[in-house]
Amino acid sequence: MEGSSTNLGRAFLCLRSGDCTLSVSALIWVVDELQYCMMAKGKKQSSEPKGRKITLKMAKLALKLTVDGKRRLDLSNMELTTFPKCILKLCDVDELDLSRNLLKKIPDSIAKFVNLCFLDLHSNQLDQVPEAIGCLCNLYSLNLCNNCLSTVGLPNEIGLLRKLRSLNLGMNVLESIPSSIAALKELRHLGLFNNQLTRVPECLRNLPYLETVNLKCNPIPFEDDKGIDPIQRVECLYLVRESSLCACCLQKVKDNRQRVNSRLSRGPTHRKSIGHQGHIILDKNSPGALLQ
């Protein structure tokens, strides 16, 4: 008997009609085919997570009012595998939290959320951000931490978010960031930790109000100069404005700067410049330690 769906269908018809003329070998073949189909169906279902379906009613129940009067839609940790289309009817919200889900894609329809000032997408499976992100002109906080974003997955349109003050790109696979980030003149805080950066991005020099940059756990090389104090060779860097330090920490920084300059004056002339004018680079584990 040929292993085809036609023969399988005929065998079923014979069995339903009470025809017992089928040979033993034919019956064995039918059983084998049924087992194969059931196994194949089971594998197909297990390979794709079903995810949770969100209805408009459920979304409305997740809509809350913050203490400062903002309308916040919190759909975090809901096992979502796809962007819920129903929430487009709630696109007038001020804050949207889709963090801790299984999202692999954000649609272009995100552009309809024109009032968004806070967008949290951290801890998903995103490998790209749509160009439509640039339409969210009122956004002041964007969290894309802990995804699968590479350099090509981050569009230049992110530079259109002129009101953005906080941008978290940590825990991705970025080897560089778009130069258009230099246009984010209001940016205060930038997270770039746990990526694949091999240098401090040049575009950071053009951000006048930048207060902190977290570059922890990136393969940024440091020159192996034996005459330089080892405090310069650290794993993590933070960029902090002098105005953000308390008087005590600022004094510690100045004291350390004087000690480092004194040591440098006795050895080969070498200064490592990271950051831009008005910024101090600090070691995370020693708040008063100067790295510049």
C-alpha atoms as a PDB file:
ATOM      1  CA  MET A   1       0.000   0.000   0.000  1.00  0.00           C
ATOM      2  CA  GLU A   2       1.445   3.425  -0.957  1.00  0.00           C
ATOM      3  CA  GLY A   3       2.056   5.879   1.891  1.00  0.00           C
ATOM      4  CA  SER A   4      -0.279   8.647   0.709  1.00  0.00           C
ATOM      5  CA  SER A   5      -3.156  10.635   2.186  1.00  0.00           C
ATOM      6  CA  THR A   6      -5.501   9.105  -0.426  1.00  0.00           C
ATOM      7  CA  ASN A   7      -4.821   5.556   0.717  1.00  0.00           C
ATOM      8  CA  LEU A   8      -5.115   6.637   4.346  1.00  0.00           C
ATOM      9  CA  GLY A   9      -8.528   8.146   3.610  1.00  0.00           C
ATOM     10  CA  ARG A  10      -9.708   4.958   1.886  1.00  0.00           C
ATOM     11  CA  ALA A  11      -8.596   2.878   4.849  1.00  0.00           C
ATOM     12  CA  PHE A  12     -10.657   5.046   7.191  1.00  0.00           C
ATOM     13  CA  LEU A  13     -13.708   4.667   4.950  1.00  0.00           C
ATOM     14  CA  CYS A  14     -13.323   0.896   5.001  1.00  0.00           C
ATOM     15  CA  LEU A  15     -13.040   0.831   8.765  1.00  0.00           C
ATOM     16  CA  ARG A  16     -16.117   3.047   9.229  1.00  0.00           C
ATOM     17  CA  SER A  17     -18.199   0.925   6.848  1.00  0.00           C
ATOM     18  CA  GLY A  18     -17.297  -2.285   8.682  1.00  0.00           C
ATOM     19  CA  ASP A  19     -15.262  -3.685   5.797  1.00  0.00           C
ATOM     20  CA  CYS A  20     -12.813  -6.141   7.361  1.00  0.00           C
ATOM     21  CA  THR A  21     -11.094  -7.101   4.107  1.00  0.00           C
ATOM     22  CA  LEU A  22      -8.056  -4.989   4.956  1.00  0.00           C
ATOM     23  CA  SER A  23      -4.917  -7.036   5.406  1.00  0.00           C
ATOM     24  CA  VAL A  24      -2.952  -7.040   8.623  1.00  0.00           C
ATOM     25  CA  SER A  25      -0.123  -5.146   6.944  1.00  0.00           C
ATOM     26  CA  ALA A  26      -2.586  -2.458   5.819  1.00  0.00           C
ATOM     27  CA  LEU A  27      -3.920  -2.044   9.352  1.00  0.00           C
ATOM     28  CA  ILE A  28      -0.389  -1.754  10.710  1.00  0.00           C
ATOM     29  CA  TRP A  29       0.344   0.915   8.108  1.00  0.00           C
ATOM     30  CA  VAL A  30      -2.770   2.870   9.175  1.00  0.00           C
ATOM     31  CA  VAL A  31      -1.679   2.790  12.839  1.00  0.00           C
ATOM     32  CA  ASP A  32       1.851   3.922  11.922  1.00  0.00           C
ATOM     33  CA  GLU A  33       0.482   6.813   9.850  1.00  0.00           C
ATOM     34  CA  LEU A  34      -1.754   7.945  12.699  1.00  0.00           C
ATOM     35  CA  GLN A  35       1.150   7.901  15.163  1.00  0.00           C
ATOM     36  CA  TYR A  36       3.337   9.883  12.748  1.00  0.00           C
ATOM     37  CA  CYS A  37       0.635  12.535  12.237  1.00  0.00           C
ATOM     38  CA  MET A  38       0.091  12.902  15.963  1.00  0.00           C
ATOM     39  CA  MET A  39       3.824  13.291  16.636  1.00  0.00           C
ATOM     40  CA  ALA A  40       4.225  15.837  13.831  1.00  0.00           C
ATOM     41  CA  LYS A  41       1.282  17.857  15.127  1.00  0.00           C
ATOM     42  CA  GLY A  42       2.659  17.818  18.646  1.00  0.00           C
ATOM     43  CA  LYS A  43       6.076  19.062  17.505  1.00  0.00           C
ATOM     44  CA  LYS A  44       4.524  21.871  15.487  1.00  0.00           C
ATOM     45  CA  GLN A  45       2.493  23.092  18.409  1.00  0.00           C
ATOM     46  CA  SER A  46       5.392  23.019  20.874  1.00  0.00           C
ATOM     47  CA  SER A  47       7.778  24.953  18.597  1.00  0.00           C
ATOM     48  CA  GLU A  48       5.658  28.113  18.638  1.00  0.00           C
ATOM     49  CA  PRO A  49       4.563  29.506  22.008  1.00  0.00           C
ATOM     50  CA  LYS A  50       0.890  30.318  22.015  1.00  0.00           C
ATOM     51  CA  GLY A  51       1.197  33.390  24.173  1.00  0.00           C
ATOM     52  CA  ARG A  52      -1.616  35.179  25.889  1.00  0.00           C
ATOM     53  CA  LYS A  53      -4.407  36.949  24.060  1.00  0.00           C
ATOM     54  CA  ILE A  54      -5.396  40.376  25.316  1.00  0.00           C
ATOM     55  CA  THR A  55      -8.907  41.680  24.691  1.00  0.00           C
ATOM     56  CA  LEU A  56      -9.925  45.318  24.737  1.00  0.00           C
ATOM     57  CA  LYS A  57     -11.827  44.699  27.974  1.00  0.00           C
ATOM     58  CA  MET A  58      -8.703  43.276  29.618  1.00  0.00           C
ATOM     59  CA  ALA A  59      -6.642  46.204  28.361  1.00  0.00           C
ATOM     60  CA  LYS A  60      -9.106  48.710  29.798  1.00  0.00           C
ATOM     61  CA  LEU A  61      -8.859  46.984  33.177  1.00  0.00           C
ATOM     62  CA  ALA A  62      -5.067  47.397  32.999  1.00  0.00           C
ATOM     63  CA  LEU A  63      -5.434  51.142  32.474  1.00  0.00           C
ATOM     64  CA  LYS A  64      -4.477  53.093  35.596  1.00  0.00           C
ATOM     65  CA  LEU A  65      -4.078  56.710  36.612  1.00  0.00           C
ATOM     66  CA  THR A  66      -0.665  57.647  38.017  1.00  0.00           C
ATOM     67  CA  VAL A  67      -0.160  59.965  40.985  1.00  0.00           C
ATOM     68  CA  ASP A  68       0.746  62.800  38.635  1.00  0.00           C
ATOM     69  CA  GLY A  69      -2.411  62.327  36.566  1.00  0.00           C
ATOM     70  CA  LYS A  70      -0.958  60.315  33.667  1.00  0.00           C
ATOM     71  CA  ARG A  71      -2.935  57.508  32.006  1.00  0.00           C
ATOM     72  CA  ARG A  72      -0.767  54.386  32.215  1.00  0.00           C
ATOM     73  CA  LEU A  73      -1.455  51.139  30.355  1.00  0.00           C
ATOM     74  CA  ASP A  74       0.440  48.361  32.109  1.00  0.00           C
ATOM     75  CA  LEU A  75       0.592  45.084  30.161  1.00  0.00           C
ATOM     76  CA  SER A  76       3.913  43.924  31.573  1.00  0.00           C
ATOM     77  CA  ASN A  77       4.639  40.264  32.337  1.00  0.00           C
ATOM     78  CA  MET A  78       1.563  39.035  30.440  1.00  0.00           C
ATOM     79  CA  GLU A  79       3.298  36.373  28.257  1.00  0.00           C
ATOM     80  CA  LEU A  80       2.474  38.347  25.114  1.00  0.00           C
ATOM     81  CA  THR A  81       4.080  37.051  21.916  1.00  0.00           C
ATOM     82  CA  THR A  82       2.522  39.628  19.586  1.00  0.00           C
ATOM     83  CA  PHE A  83       1.660  43.286  19.922  1.00  0.00           C
ATOM     84  CA  PRO A  84      -2.037  43.463  20.941  1.00  0.00           C
ATOM     85  CA  LYS A  85      -3.900  45.249  18.144  1.00  0.00           C
ATOM     86  CA  CYS A  86      -6.806  46.031  20.460  1.00  0.00           C
ATOM     87  CA  ILE A  87      -4.741  48.562  22.421  1.00  0.00           C
ATOM     88  CA  LEU A  88      -4.632  50.815  19.350  1.00  0.00           C
ATOM     89  CA  LYS A  89      -8.055  51.951  20.548  1.00  0.00           C
ATOM     90  CA  LEU A  90      -6.312  53.224  23.683  1.00  0.00           C
ATOM     91  CA  CYS A  91      -3.576  55.066  21.806  1.00  0.00           C
ATOM     92  CA  ASP A  92      -4.220  58.287  23.728  1.00  0.00           C
ATOM     93  CA  VAL A  93      -2.476  56.950  26.854  1.00  0.00           C
ATOM     94  CA  ASP A  94       0.538  58.773  28.300  1.00  0.00           C
ATOM     95  CA  GLU A  95       2.497  55.708  29.420  1.00  0.00           C
ATOM     96  CA  LEU A  96       2.747  52.218  27.936  1.00  0.00           C
ATOM     97  CA  ASP A  97       4.461  49.306  29.659  1.00  0.00           C
ATOM     98  CA  LEU A  98       4.953  46.127  27.590  1.00  0.00           C
ATOM     99  CA  SER A  99       8.022  44.915  29.446  1.00  0.00           C
ATOM    100  CA  ARG A 100       8.770  41.310  30.494  1.00  0.00           C
ATOM    101  CA  ASN A 101       6.895  39.707  27.607  1.00  0.00           C
ATOM    102  CA  LEU A 102       7.887  37.610  24.569  1.00  0.00           C
ATOM    103  CA  LEU A 103       7.471  40.275  21.899  1.00  0.00           C
ATOM    104  CA  LYS A 104       9.643  39.858  18.796  1.00  0.00           C
ATOM    105  CA  LYS A 105       8.320  42.814  16.835  1.00  0.00           C
ATOM    106  CA  ILE A 106       6.794  46.225  17.421  1.00  0.00           C
ATOM    107  CA  PRO A 107       4.532  47.267  14.507  1.00  0.00           C
ATOM    108  CA  ASP A 108       4.602  50.602  12.702  1.00  0.00           C
ATOM    109  CA  SER A 109       1.240  51.331  14.283  1.00  0.00           C
ATOM    110  CA  ILE A 110       3.158  52.337  17.425  1.00  0.00           C
ATOM    111  CA  ALA A 111       3.248  55.744  15.742  1.00  0.00           C
ATOM    112  CA  LYS A 112      -0.407  56.217  16.722  1.00  0.00           C
ATOM    113  CA  PHE A 113       0.580  56.628  20.365  1.00  0.00           C
ATOM    114  CA  VAL A 114       1.447  60.277  19.818  1.00  0.00           C
ATOM    115  CA  ASN A 115       0.845  61.257  23.450  1.00  0.00           C
ATOM    116  CA  LEU A 116       3.308  58.741  24.887  1.00  0.00           C
ATOM    117  CA  CYS A 117       5.854  60.199  27.256  1.00  0.00           C
ATOM    118  CA  PHE A 118       6.970  56.832  28.698  1.00  0.00           C
ATOM    119  CA  LEU A 119       7.514  53.584  26.740  1.00  0.00           C
ATOM    120  CA  ASP A 120       8.902  50.493  28.447  1.00  0.00           C
ATOM    121  CA  LEU A 121       9.833  47.515  26.231  1.00  0.00           C
ATOM    122  CA  HIS A 122      12.588  45.971  28.307  1.00  0.00           C
ATOM    123  CA  SER A 123      13.015  42.195  28.654  1.00  0.00           C
ATOM    124  CA  ASN A 124      11.424  41.090  25.385  1.00  0.00           C
ATOM    125  CA  GLN A 125      12.896  39.425  22.267  1.00  0.00           C
ATOM    126  CA  LEU A 126      13.069  42.440  19.962  1.00  0.00           C
ATOM    127  CA  ASP A 127      15.779  42.392  17.301  1.00  0.00           C
ATOM    128  CA  GLN A 128      14.740  45.672  15.719  1.00  0.00           C
ATOM    129  CA  VAL A 129      12.886  48.891  16.463  1.00  0.00           C
ATOM    130  CA  PRO A 130      10.570  50.273  13.758  1.00  0.00           C
ATOM    131  CA  GLU A 131      11.392  53.583  12.099  1.00  0.00           C
ATOM    132  CA  ALA A 132       7.954  54.725  13.247  1.00  0.00           C
ATOM    133  CA  ILE A 133       9.452  55.157  16.725  1.00  0.00           C
ATOM    134  CA  GLY A 134      10.531  58.591  15.538  1.00  0.00           C
ATOM    135  CA  CYS A 135       6.896  59.721  15.483  1.00  0.00           C
ATOM    136  CA  LEU A 136       6.672  59.617  19.280  1.00  0.00           C
ATOM    137  CA  CYS A 137       7.772  63.231  19.580  1.00  0.00           C
ATOM    138  CA  ASN A 138       6.552  63.598  23.196  1.00  0.00           C
ATOM    139  CA  LEU A 139       8.555  60.644  24.526  1.00  0.00           C
ATOM    140  CA  TYR A 140      10.866  61.464  27.434  1.00  0.00           C
ATOM    141  CA  SER A 141      11.711  57.898  28.565  1.00  0.00           C
ATOM    142  CA  LEU A 142      12.425  54.867  26.358  1.00  0.00           C
ATOM    143  CA  ASN A 143      13.545  51.549  27.835  1.00  0.00           C
ATOM    144  CA  LEU A 144      14.805  48.905  25.371  1.00  0.00           C
ATOM    145  CA  CYS A 145      17.018  47.058  27.833  1.00  0.00           C
ATOM    146  CA  ASN A 146      17.446  43.260  27.697  1.00  0.00           C
ATOM    147  CA  ASN A 147      16.412  42.549  24.108  1.00  0.00           C
ATOM    148  CA  CYS A 148      18.249  41.261  21.025  1.00  0.00           C
ATOM    149  CA  LEU A 149      18.997  44.599  19.366  1.00  0.00           C
ATOM    150  CA  SER A 150      22.002  44.801  17.078  1.00  0.00           C
ATOM    151  CA  THR A 151      23.393  47.896  15.402  1.00  0.00           C
ATOM    152  CA  VAL A 152      21.191  47.421  12.320  1.00  0.00           C
ATOM    153  CA  GLY A 153      18.130  46.986  14.507  1.00  0.00           C
ATOM    154  CA  LEU A 154      18.298  50.497  15.919  1.00  0.00           C
ATOM    155  CA  PRO A 155      17.031  53.061  13.346  1.00  0.00           C
ATOM    156  CA  ASN A 156      18.380  56.570  12.839  1.00  0.00           C
ATOM    157  CA  GLU A 157      14.858  57.845  13.482  1.00  0.00           C
ATOM    158  CA  ILE A 158      15.544  57.470  17.188  1.00  0.00           C
ATOM    159  CA  GLY A 159      17.274  60.825  16.851  1.00  0.00           C
ATOM    160  CA  LEU A 160      13.886  62.447  16.218  1.00  0.00           C
ATOM    161  CA  LEU A 161      12.875  61.975  19.850  1.00  0.00           C
ATOM    162  CA  ARG A 162      13.958  65.500  20.741  1.00  0.00           C
ATOM    163  CA  LYS A 163      12.302  65.495  24.208  1.00  0.00           C
ATOM    164  CA  LEU A 164      13.915  62.221  25.287  1.00  0.00           C
ATOM    165  CA  ARG A 165      15.666  62.429  28.649  1.00  0.00           C
ATOM    166  CA  SER A 166      16.275  58.769  29.468  1.00  0.00           C
ATOM    167  CA  LEU A 167      17.325  56.049  27.003  1.00  0.00           C
ATOM    168  CA  ASN A 168      18.208  52.540  28.152  1.00  0.00           C
ATOM    169  CA  LEU A 169      19.879  50.309  25.533  1.00  0.00           C
ATOM    170  CA  GLY A 170      21.660  48.027  27.976  1.00  0.00           C
ATOM    171  CA  MET A 171      21.860  44.224  27.666  1.00  0.00           C
ATOM    172  CA  ASN A 172      21.646  44.018  23.878  1.00  0.00           C
ATOM    173  CA  VAL A 173      24.253  43.170  21.211  1.00  0.00           C
ATOM    174  CA  LEU A 174      25.063  46.676  19.978  1.00  0.00           C
ATOM    175  CA  GLU A 175      28.472  47.186  18.409  1.00  0.00           C
ATOM    176  CA  SER A 176      27.722  50.863  17.839  1.00  0.00           C
ATOM    177  CA  ILE A 177      24.844  53.293  18.226  1.00  0.00           C
ATOM    178  CA  PRO A 178      23.290  55.594  15.601  1.00  0.00           C
ATOM    179  CA  SER A 179      25.092  58.907  15.213  1.00  0.00           C
ATOM    180  CA  SER A 180      21.655  60.531  15.179  1.00  0.00           C
ATOM    181  CA  ILE A 181      21.600  60.132  18.972  1.00  0.00           C
ATOM    182  CA  ALA A 182      23.691  63.298  18.966  1.00  0.00           C
ATOM    183  CA  ALA A 183      20.437  65.127  18.148  1.00  0.00           C
ATOM    184  CA  LEU A 184      18.910  64.164  21.512  1.00  0.00           C
ATOM    185  CA  LYS A 185      19.877  67.448  23.130  1.00  0.00           C
ATOM    186  CA  GLU A 186      17.638  66.895  26.173  1.00  0.00           C
ATOM    187  CA  LEU A 187      19.098  63.461  27.001  1.00  0.00           C
ATOM    188  CA  ARG A 188      20.210  63.119  30.636  1.00  0.00           C
ATOM    189  CA  HIS A 189      20.685  59.400  31.177  1.00  0.00           C
ATOM    190  CA  LEU A 190      21.968  56.769  28.742  1.00  0.00           C
ATOM    191  CA  GLY A 191      22.358  53.050  29.442  1.00  0.00           C
ATOM    192  CA  LEU A 192      24.768  51.139  27.190  1.00  0.00           C
ATOM    193  CA  PHE A 193      25.911  48.426  29.602  1.00  0.00           C
ATOM    194  CA  ASN A 194      26.356  44.772  28.571  1.00  0.00           C
ATOM    195  CA  ASN A 195      26.727  45.357  24.831  1.00  0.00           C
ATOM    196  CA  GLN A 196      29.514  44.809  22.292  1.00  0.00           C
ATOM    197  CA  LEU A 197      30.840  48.375  22.112  1.00  0.00           C
ATOM    198  CA  THR A 198      34.566  48.606  21.492  1.00  0.00           C
ATOM    199  CA  ARG A 199      34.800  52.368  21.956  1.00  0.00           C
ATOM    200  CA  VAL A 200      32.985  55.198  23.662  1.00  0.00           C
ATOM    201  CA  PRO A 201      30.581  56.625  21.043  1.00  0.00           C
ATOM    202  CA  GLU A 202      31.754  59.972  19.689  1.00  0.00           C
ATOM    203  CA  CYS A 203      28.195  61.289  19.452  1.00  0.00           C
ATOM    204  CA  LEU A 204      28.046  61.545  23.250  1.00  0.00           C
ATOM    205  CA  ARG A 205      30.286  64.610  23.103  1.00  0.00           C
ATOM    206  CA  ASN A 206      27.452  66.588  21.512  1.00  0.00           C
ATOM    207  CA  LEU A 207      24.912  66.039  24.284  1.00  0.00           C
ATOM    208  CA  PRO A 208      25.013  69.173  26.469  1.00  0.00           C
ATOM    209  CA  TYR A 209      22.800  67.952  29.339  1.00  0.00           C
ATOM    210  CA  LEU A 210      24.038  64.358  29.565  1.00  0.00           C
ATOM    211  CA  GLU A 211      24.564  63.459  33.227  1.00  0.00           C
ATOM    212  CA  THR A 212      25.190  59.696  33.351  1.00  0.00           C
ATOM    213  CA  VAL A 213      26.348  57.064  30.853  1.00  0.00           C
ATOM    214  CA  ASN A 214      26.571  53.441  31.944  1.00  0.00           C
ATOM    215  CA  LEU A 215      29.158  51.586  29.829  1.00  0.00           C
ATOM    216  CA  LYS A 216      29.661  48.650  32.159  1.00  0.00           C
ATOM    217  CA  CYS A 217      30.590  45.269  30.627  1.00  0.00           C
ATOM    218  CA  ASN A 218      31.562  46.348  27.122  1.00  0.00           C
ATOM    219  CA  PRO A 219      34.773  45.170  25.389  1.00  0.00           C
ATOM    220  CA  ILE A 220      36.230  48.688  25.365  1.00  0.00           C
ATOM    221  CA  PRO A 221      40.034  48.295  25.255  1.00  0.00           C
ATOM    222  CA  PHE A 222      42.354  50.325  27.454  1.00  0.00           C
ATOM    223  CA  GLU A 223      45.949  50.975  26.473  1.00  0.00           C
ATOM    224  CA  ASP A 224      48.369  49.002  28.596  1.00  0.00           C
ATOM    225  CA  ASP A 225      50.638  51.794  29.850  1.00  0.00           C
ATOM    226  CA  LYS A 226      52.825  50.688  32.733  1.00  0.00           C
ATOM    227  CA  GLY A 227      53.453  54.251  33.826  1.00  0.00           C
ATOM    228  CA  ILE A 228      49.766  55.012  34.294  1.00  0.00           C
ATOM    229  CA  ASP A 229      48.005  54.534  37.595  1.00  0.00           C
ATOM    230  CA  PRO A 230      45.985  51.251  37.436  1.00  0.00           C
ATOM    231  CA  ILE A 231      42.870  53.131  38.482  1.00  0.00           C
ATOM    232  CA  GLN A 232      42.455  54.005  34.800  1.00  0.00           C
ATOM    233  CA  ARG A 233      42.055  50.355  33.779  1.00  0.00           C
ATOM    234  CA  VAL A 234      38.617  49.464  35.052  1.00  0.00           C
ATOM    235  CA  GLU A 235      35.808  47.311  33.766  1.00  0.00           C
ATOM    236  CA  CYS A 236      32.980  49.835  34.035  1.00  0.00           C
ATOM    237  CA  LEU A 237      32.674  53.547  33.431  1.00  0.00           C
ATOM    238  CA  TYR A 238      30.119  56.132  34.427  1.00  0.00           C
ATOM    239  CA  LEU A 239      29.961  59.611  32.971  1.00  0.00           C
ATOM    240  CA  VAL A 240      28.803  62.177  35.505  1.00  0.00           C
ATOM    241  CA  ARG A 241      28.501  65.943  35.368  1.00  0.00           C
ATOM    242  CA  GLU A 242      30.267  67.855  38.130  1.00  0.00           C
ATOM    243  CA  SER A 243      26.998  69.585  38.998  1.00  0.00           C
ATOM    244  CA  SER A 244      25.470  66.182  39.818  1.00  0.00           C
ATOM    245  CA  LEU A 245      27.994  65.484  42.589  1.00  0.00           C
ATOM    246  CA  CYS A 246      27.617  66.471  46.215  1.00  0.00           C
ATOM    247  CA  ALA A 247      30.290  68.697  47.753  1.00  0.00           C
ATOM    248  CA  CYS A 248      31.955  65.763  49.525  1.00  0.00           C
ATOM    249  CA  CYS A 249      32.256  63.585  46.390  1.00  0.00           C
ATOM    250  CA  LEU A 250      33.396  66.537  44.293  1.00  0.00           C
ATOM    251  CA  GLN A 251      36.186  67.258  46.758  1.00  0.00           C
ATOM    252  CA  LYS A 252      37.276  63.598  46.648  1.00  0.00           C
ATOM    253  CA  VAL A 253      37.363  63.770  42.861  1.00  0.00           C
ATOM    254  CA  LYS A 254      39.509  66.908  42.939  1.00  0.00           C
ATOM    255  CA  ASP A 255      41.887  65.335  45.444  1.00  0.00           C
ATOM    256  CA  ASN A 256      42.237  62.217  43.285  1.00  0.00           C
ATOM    257  CA  ARG A 257      42.746  64.366  40.201  1.00  0.00           C
ATOM    258  CA  GLN A 258      45.598  66.158  41.924  1.00  0.00           C
ATOM    259  CA  ARG A 259      47.235  62.854  42.933  1.00  0.00           C
ATOM    260  CA  VAL A 260      46.870  61.408  39.409  1.00  0.00           C
ATOM    261  CA  ASN A 261      48.244  64.560  37.782  1.00  0.00           C
ATOM    262  CA  SER A 262      51.156  64.466  40.186  1.00  0.00           C
ATOM    263  CA  ARG A 263      51.985  60.887  39.206  1.00  0.00           C
ATOM    264  CA  LEU A 264      51.576  61.652  35.516  1.00  0.00           C
ATOM    265  CA  SER A 265      53.939  64.601  35.788  1.00  0.00           C
ATOM    266  CA  ARG A 266      56.651  62.222  36.997  1.00  0.00           C
ATOM    267  CA  GLY A 267      56.080  59.704  34.158  1.00  0.00           C
ATOM    268  CA  PRO A 268      55.445  59.683  30.384  1.00  0.00           C
ATOM    269  CA  THR A 269      52.946  62.300  29.267  1.00  0.00           C
ATOM    270  CA  HIS A 270      49.671  60.587  28.524  1.00  0.00           C
ATOM    271  CA  ARG A 271      46.079  61.596  29.100  1.00  0.00           C
ATOM    272  CA  LYS A 272      43.046  59.496  28.207  1.00  0.00           C
ATOM    273  CA  SER A 273      40.086  61.659  27.220  1.00  0.00           C
ATOM    274  CA  ILE A 274      36.644  60.127  27.455  1.00  0.00           C
ATOM    275  CA  GLY A 275      33.474  62.170  27.600  1.00  0.00           C
ATOM    276  CA  HIS A 276      33.188  65.871  26.917  1.00  0.00           C
ATOM    277  CA  GLN A 277      33.887  69.149  28.663  1.00  0.00           C
ATOM    278  CA  GLY A 278      32.229  69.466  32.047  1.00  0.00           C
ATOM    279  CA  HIS A 279      32.041  65.678  32.592  1.00  0.00           C
ATOM    280  CA  ILE A 280      33.909  63.523  35.076  1.00  0.00           C
ATOM    281  CA  ILE A 281      34.411  59.789  34.610  1.00  0.00           C
ATOM    282  CA  LEU A 282      33.950  57.717  37.710  1.00  0.00           C
ATOM    283  CA  ASP A 283      34.547  54.119  38.682  1.00  0.00           C
ATOM    284  CA  LYS A 284      31.303  52.518  39.814  1.00  0.00           C
ATOM    285  CA  ASN A 285      32.987  50.800  42.774  1.00  0.00           C
ATOM    286  CA  SER A 286      34.740  53.933  43.994  1.00  0.00           C
ATOM    287  CA  PRO A 287      32.496  57.031  43.716  1.00  0.00           C
ATOM    288  CA  GLY A 288      35.347  59.389  44.491  1.00  0.00           C
ATOM    289  CA  ALA A 289      37.907  57.858  42.102  1.00  0.00           C
ATOM    290  CA  LEU A 290      38.862  59.902  39.073  1.00  0.00           C
ATOM    291  CA  LEU A 291      39.528  58.014  35.846  1.00  0.00           C
ATOM    292  CA  GLN A 292      40.348  60.923  33.588  1.00  0.00           C
END
